[in-house]
N, C-alpha and C. Protein backbone atom coordinates (compact mmCIF):
# COMPACT_ATOMS: atom_id res chain seq x y z
N MET A 1 -3.87 11.30 5.83
CA MET A 1 -4.74 10.44 5.06
C MET A 1 -3.95 9.69 4.00
N ALA A 2 -4.31 8.44 3.78
CA ALA A 2 -3.63 7.64 2.77
C ALA A 2 -3.84 8.26 1.40
N GLN A 3 -2.79 8.27 0.62
CA GLN A 3 -2.82 8.90 -0.69
C GLN A 3 -3.44 7.94 -1.72
N LYS A 4 -4.12 8.49 -2.70
CA LYS A 4 -4.64 7.67 -3.79
C LYS A 4 -3.48 7.42 -4.76
N ILE A 5 -3.19 6.14 -4.98
CA ILE A 5 -2.09 5.78 -5.86
C ILE A 5 -2.67 5.12 -7.10
N THR A 6 -2.19 5.57 -8.26
CA THR A 6 -2.65 5.03 -9.54
C THR A 6 -1.44 4.71 -10.41
N SER A 7 -1.69 4.08 -11.54
CA SER A 7 -0.59 3.81 -12.47
C SER A 7 -0.01 5.12 -13.00
N ASP A 8 -0.79 6.21 -12.94
CA ASP A 8 -0.31 7.51 -13.42
C ASP A 8 0.66 8.18 -12.46
N ASN A 9 0.50 7.97 -11.14
CA ASN A 9 1.36 8.70 -10.20
C ASN A 9 2.36 7.84 -9.43
N LEU A 10 2.31 6.53 -9.57
CA LEU A 10 3.19 5.67 -8.76
C LEU A 10 4.67 5.93 -9.03
N GLN A 11 5.07 6.05 -10.29
CA GLN A 11 6.49 6.26 -10.58
C GLN A 11 7.01 7.56 -9.99
N ALA A 12 6.19 8.60 -10.02
CA ALA A 12 6.60 9.87 -9.42
C ALA A 12 6.75 9.74 -7.91
N LEU A 13 5.88 8.95 -7.28
CA LEU A 13 5.99 8.74 -5.83
C LEU A 13 7.24 7.95 -5.49
N ILE A 14 7.52 6.93 -6.28
CA ILE A 14 8.74 6.13 -6.07
C ILE A 14 9.97 7.00 -6.24
N ALA A 15 9.93 7.91 -7.22
CA ALA A 15 11.06 8.78 -7.52
C ALA A 15 11.42 9.73 -6.37
N THR A 16 10.51 9.91 -5.40
CA THR A 16 10.83 10.76 -4.25
C THR A 16 11.91 10.14 -3.37
N GLY A 17 12.13 8.83 -3.53
CA GLY A 17 13.13 8.15 -2.72
C GLY A 17 12.59 7.62 -1.40
N LYS A 18 11.34 7.98 -1.09
CA LYS A 18 10.74 7.48 0.15
C LYS A 18 10.17 6.09 -0.08
N PRO A 19 10.17 5.25 0.95
CA PRO A 19 9.51 3.95 0.82
C PRO A 19 8.01 4.17 0.55
N VAL A 20 7.42 3.24 -0.19
CA VAL A 20 6.01 3.32 -0.53
C VAL A 20 5.29 2.09 0.01
N VAL A 21 4.19 2.31 0.72
CA VAL A 21 3.32 1.24 1.17
C VAL A 21 2.06 1.36 0.33
N LEU A 22 1.77 0.33 -0.46
CA LEU A 22 0.68 0.38 -1.43
C LEU A 22 -0.35 -0.70 -1.11
N ASP A 23 -1.53 -0.25 -0.73
CA ASP A 23 -2.64 -1.14 -0.37
C ASP A 23 -3.58 -1.28 -1.57
N PHE A 24 -3.67 -2.49 -2.13
CA PHE A 24 -4.64 -2.78 -3.19
C PHE A 24 -5.92 -3.24 -2.52
N TRP A 25 -7.03 -2.57 -2.84
CA TRP A 25 -8.30 -2.83 -2.15
C TRP A 25 -9.48 -2.62 -3.10
N ALA A 26 -10.68 -2.90 -2.60
CA ALA A 26 -11.93 -2.61 -3.31
C ALA A 26 -13.01 -2.32 -2.27
N THR A 27 -14.00 -1.53 -2.66
CA THR A 27 -15.05 -1.12 -1.72
C THR A 27 -15.86 -2.30 -1.21
N TRP A 28 -16.01 -3.35 -2.02
CA TRP A 28 -16.83 -4.51 -1.64
C TRP A 28 -16.07 -5.54 -0.81
N CYS A 29 -14.80 -5.31 -0.54
CA CYS A 29 -13.94 -6.28 0.14
C CYS A 29 -13.97 -6.07 1.66
N GLY A 30 -14.53 -7.02 2.38
CA GLY A 30 -14.62 -6.93 3.84
C GLY A 30 -13.26 -6.83 4.53
N PRO A 31 -12.32 -7.74 4.22
CA PRO A 31 -10.99 -7.64 4.85
C PRO A 31 -10.28 -6.32 4.53
N CYS A 32 -10.55 -5.78 3.33
CA CYS A 32 -9.96 -4.48 2.96
C CYS A 32 -10.46 -3.39 3.90
N ARG A 33 -11.74 -3.43 4.19
CA ARG A 33 -12.33 -2.44 5.11
C ARG A 33 -11.80 -2.65 6.53
N MET A 34 -11.48 -3.90 6.88
CA MET A 34 -10.94 -4.17 8.22
C MET A 34 -9.57 -3.52 8.43
N ILE A 35 -8.73 -3.54 7.39
CA ILE A 35 -7.38 -2.97 7.56
C ILE A 35 -7.32 -1.49 7.22
N ALA A 36 -8.39 -0.93 6.67
CA ALA A 36 -8.39 0.48 6.27
C ALA A 36 -7.98 1.43 7.40
N PRO A 37 -8.50 1.26 8.64
CA PRO A 37 -8.06 2.16 9.72
C PRO A 37 -6.56 2.05 10.01
N THR A 38 -6.00 0.87 9.87
CA THR A 38 -4.56 0.68 10.08
C THR A 38 -3.77 1.42 9.01
N ILE A 39 -4.20 1.30 7.76
CA ILE A 39 -3.50 1.98 6.66
C ILE A 39 -3.57 3.49 6.86
N GLU A 40 -4.74 4.00 7.24
CA GLU A 40 -4.89 5.44 7.49
C GLU A 40 -4.00 5.90 8.64
N ALA A 41 -3.95 5.11 9.71
CA ALA A 41 -3.12 5.47 10.87
C ALA A 41 -1.64 5.50 10.50
N LEU A 42 -1.20 4.52 9.72
CA LEU A 42 0.20 4.49 9.30
C LEU A 42 0.51 5.68 8.39
N ALA A 43 -0.44 6.06 7.54
CA ALA A 43 -0.24 7.22 6.66
C ALA A 43 -0.01 8.48 7.48
N GLN A 44 -0.78 8.64 8.55
CA GLN A 44 -0.61 9.83 9.40
C GLN A 44 0.66 9.75 10.23
N GLU A 45 0.89 8.60 10.84
CA GLU A 45 2.03 8.44 11.75
C GLU A 45 3.37 8.54 11.04
N TYR A 46 3.44 8.06 9.81
CA TYR A 46 4.71 8.04 9.08
C TYR A 46 4.76 9.09 7.97
N ASP A 47 3.89 10.09 8.05
CA ASP A 47 3.87 11.18 7.08
C ASP A 47 5.24 11.85 7.06
N GLY A 48 5.80 12.02 5.88
CA GLY A 48 7.12 12.63 5.76
C GLY A 48 8.24 11.61 5.70
N GLN A 49 8.00 10.41 6.26
CA GLN A 49 9.02 9.35 6.23
C GLN A 49 8.76 8.33 5.14
N ALA A 50 7.48 8.10 4.87
CA ALA A 50 7.08 7.10 3.87
C ALA A 50 5.80 7.59 3.20
N ILE A 51 5.53 7.04 2.03
CA ILE A 51 4.28 7.32 1.33
C ILE A 51 3.39 6.11 1.53
N VAL A 52 2.25 6.33 2.15
CA VAL A 52 1.30 5.25 2.39
C VAL A 52 0.06 5.57 1.58
N GLY A 53 -0.30 4.66 0.68
CA GLY A 53 -1.43 4.93 -0.18
C GLY A 53 -2.23 3.70 -0.54
N LYS A 54 -3.32 3.96 -1.25
CA LYS A 54 -4.26 2.91 -1.62
C LYS A 54 -4.55 2.97 -3.11
N CYS A 55 -4.75 1.79 -3.70
CA CYS A 55 -5.14 1.69 -5.09
C CYS A 55 -6.40 0.84 -5.15
N ASP A 56 -7.50 1.44 -5.60
CA ASP A 56 -8.76 0.71 -5.79
C ASP A 56 -8.63 -0.11 -7.07
N ILE A 57 -8.66 -1.43 -6.96
CA ILE A 57 -8.44 -2.28 -8.13
C ILE A 57 -9.55 -2.13 -9.17
N GLU A 58 -10.70 -1.65 -8.74
CA GLU A 58 -11.80 -1.44 -9.68
C GLU A 58 -11.52 -0.21 -10.56
N GLU A 59 -10.77 0.74 -10.04
CA GLU A 59 -10.46 1.96 -10.78
C GLU A 59 -9.16 1.85 -11.57
N ASP A 60 -8.26 0.96 -11.15
CA ASP A 60 -6.96 0.85 -11.81
C ASP A 60 -6.51 -0.60 -11.86
N GLU A 61 -7.17 -1.37 -12.73
CA GLU A 61 -6.81 -2.79 -12.90
C GLU A 61 -5.38 -2.93 -13.41
N GLU A 62 -4.94 -1.97 -14.20
CA GLU A 62 -3.62 -2.04 -14.82
C GLU A 62 -2.51 -2.15 -13.77
N LEU A 63 -2.59 -1.34 -12.73
CA LEU A 63 -1.56 -1.36 -11.69
C LEU A 63 -1.58 -2.69 -10.93
N ALA A 64 -2.78 -3.19 -10.64
CA ALA A 64 -2.89 -4.48 -9.96
C ALA A 64 -2.29 -5.58 -10.81
N MET A 65 -2.55 -5.55 -12.10
CA MET A 65 -1.99 -6.56 -13.00
C MET A 65 -0.47 -6.45 -13.09
N GLN A 66 0.02 -5.22 -13.10
CA GLN A 66 1.47 -4.99 -13.19
C GLN A 66 2.20 -5.66 -12.03
N TYR A 67 1.59 -5.64 -10.85
CA TYR A 67 2.21 -6.22 -9.67
C TYR A 67 1.71 -7.63 -9.36
N GLY A 68 0.92 -8.20 -10.25
CA GLY A 68 0.47 -9.58 -10.09
C GLY A 68 -0.45 -9.78 -8.89
N VAL A 69 -1.24 -8.77 -8.58
CA VAL A 69 -2.15 -8.87 -7.43
C VAL A 69 -3.36 -9.71 -7.83
N ARG A 70 -3.54 -10.83 -7.11
CA ARG A 70 -4.65 -11.73 -7.41
C ARG A 70 -5.68 -11.75 -6.29
N ASN A 71 -5.25 -11.43 -5.09
CA ASN A 71 -6.14 -11.42 -3.93
C ASN A 71 -6.04 -10.07 -3.25
N ILE A 72 -7.15 -9.64 -2.67
CA ILE A 72 -7.11 -8.39 -1.92
C ILE A 72 -7.65 -8.65 -0.52
N PRO A 73 -7.21 -7.90 0.46
CA PRO A 73 -6.19 -6.86 0.32
C PRO A 73 -4.79 -7.44 0.11
N THR A 74 -4.02 -6.77 -0.71
CA THR A 74 -2.60 -7.04 -0.85
C THR A 74 -1.90 -5.71 -0.60
N VAL A 75 -0.97 -5.70 0.34
CA VAL A 75 -0.22 -4.50 0.66
C VAL A 75 1.24 -4.74 0.28
N LEU A 76 1.74 -3.91 -0.64
CA LEU A 76 3.13 -4.02 -1.08
C LEU A 76 3.99 -3.00 -0.35
N PHE A 77 5.20 -3.40 -0.04
CA PHE A 77 6.18 -2.52 0.60
C PHE A 77 7.31 -2.33 -0.41
N ILE A 78 7.41 -1.11 -0.94
CA ILE A 78 8.32 -0.81 -2.05
C ILE A 78 9.44 0.11 -1.57
N LYS A 79 10.66 -0.31 -1.85
CA LYS A 79 11.84 0.52 -1.51
C LYS A 79 12.74 0.57 -2.74
N ASP A 80 13.19 1.76 -3.08
CA ASP A 80 14.04 1.96 -4.25
C ASP A 80 13.42 1.36 -5.51
N GLY A 81 12.09 1.46 -5.63
CA GLY A 81 11.40 0.99 -6.81
C GLY A 81 11.14 -0.50 -6.88
N LYS A 82 11.57 -1.24 -5.84
CA LYS A 82 11.40 -2.69 -5.85
C LYS A 82 10.50 -3.13 -4.71
N VAL A 83 9.66 -4.12 -4.98
CA VAL A 83 8.82 -4.69 -3.92
C VAL A 83 9.74 -5.55 -3.04
N VAL A 84 9.87 -5.15 -1.77
CA VAL A 84 10.76 -5.87 -0.87
C VAL A 84 9.99 -6.73 0.14
N ASP A 85 8.68 -6.49 0.25
CA ASP A 85 7.86 -7.29 1.17
C ASP A 85 6.40 -7.09 0.77
N LYS A 86 5.55 -8.01 1.21
CA LYS A 86 4.12 -7.84 0.98
C LYS A 86 3.33 -8.60 2.02
N GLN A 87 2.09 -8.15 2.17
CA GLN A 87 1.15 -8.81 3.09
C GLN A 87 -0.12 -9.05 2.29
N VAL A 88 -0.50 -10.31 2.17
CA VAL A 88 -1.74 -10.65 1.49
C VAL A 88 -2.76 -11.05 2.55
N GLY A 89 -3.90 -10.39 2.53
CA GLY A 89 -4.94 -10.67 3.51
C GLY A 89 -4.84 -9.73 4.70
N ALA A 90 -5.90 -9.73 5.48
CA ALA A 90 -5.94 -8.88 6.67
C ALA A 90 -4.95 -9.39 7.72
N ALA A 91 -4.42 -8.46 8.49
CA ALA A 91 -3.49 -8.78 9.57
C ALA A 91 -3.57 -7.66 10.61
N PRO A 92 -3.13 -7.93 11.84
CA PRO A 92 -3.16 -6.87 12.84
C PRO A 92 -2.14 -5.77 12.52
N ARG A 93 -2.38 -4.59 13.08
CA ARG A 93 -1.53 -3.43 12.82
C ARG A 93 -0.03 -3.70 13.04
N PRO A 94 0.37 -4.41 14.11
CA PRO A 94 1.82 -4.62 14.30
C PRO A 94 2.51 -5.30 13.12
N VAL A 95 1.80 -6.14 12.39
CA VAL A 95 2.39 -6.80 11.22
C VAL A 95 2.76 -5.77 10.16
N PHE A 96 1.81 -4.86 9.86
CA PHE A 96 2.07 -3.82 8.85
C PHE A 96 3.14 -2.85 9.33
N GLU A 97 3.07 -2.48 10.61
CA GLU A 97 4.03 -1.52 11.14
C GLU A 97 5.45 -2.08 11.13
N GLU A 98 5.60 -3.35 11.46
CA GLU A 98 6.92 -3.98 11.47
C GLU A 98 7.51 -4.00 10.05
N LYS A 99 6.69 -4.32 9.06
CA LYS A 99 7.17 -4.36 7.68
C LYS A 99 7.54 -2.95 7.20
N LEU A 100 6.77 -1.94 7.60
CA LEU A 100 7.07 -0.57 7.23
C LEU A 100 8.37 -0.10 7.88
N LYS A 101 8.53 -0.37 9.16
CA LYS A 101 9.76 0.04 9.86
C LYS A 101 10.99 -0.61 9.23
N ALA A 102 10.84 -1.82 8.72
CA ALA A 102 11.98 -2.53 8.13
C ALA A 102 12.50 -1.86 6.86
N ILE A 103 11.65 -1.07 6.19
CA ILE A 103 12.11 -0.43 4.95
C ILE A 103 12.43 1.06 5.13
N LEU A 104 12.29 1.57 6.35
CA LEU A 104 12.62 2.98 6.57
C LEU A 104 14.11 3.20 6.64
């Protein structure tokens, strides 16, 4: 299952050295709900290799502002503490999987 990521735990997750896939979403966002099964599947499939999680922008505006997220869904791909890629808007699973594989 995708991990809940907040401004309180993100730095600790990055400190593990594993790549982080961070999905900014909201319950009222249709495209966010469309990609949710993909995010969950990637969390299960890449468990142990990467941290795949979600941040509800309604619960943690601070983290969204820190990363300049203006549209959702926005999925950030973080390696060594730096955003190395991102996907704004819904996309098919192969798009997310290819970006994740590139940072492993």
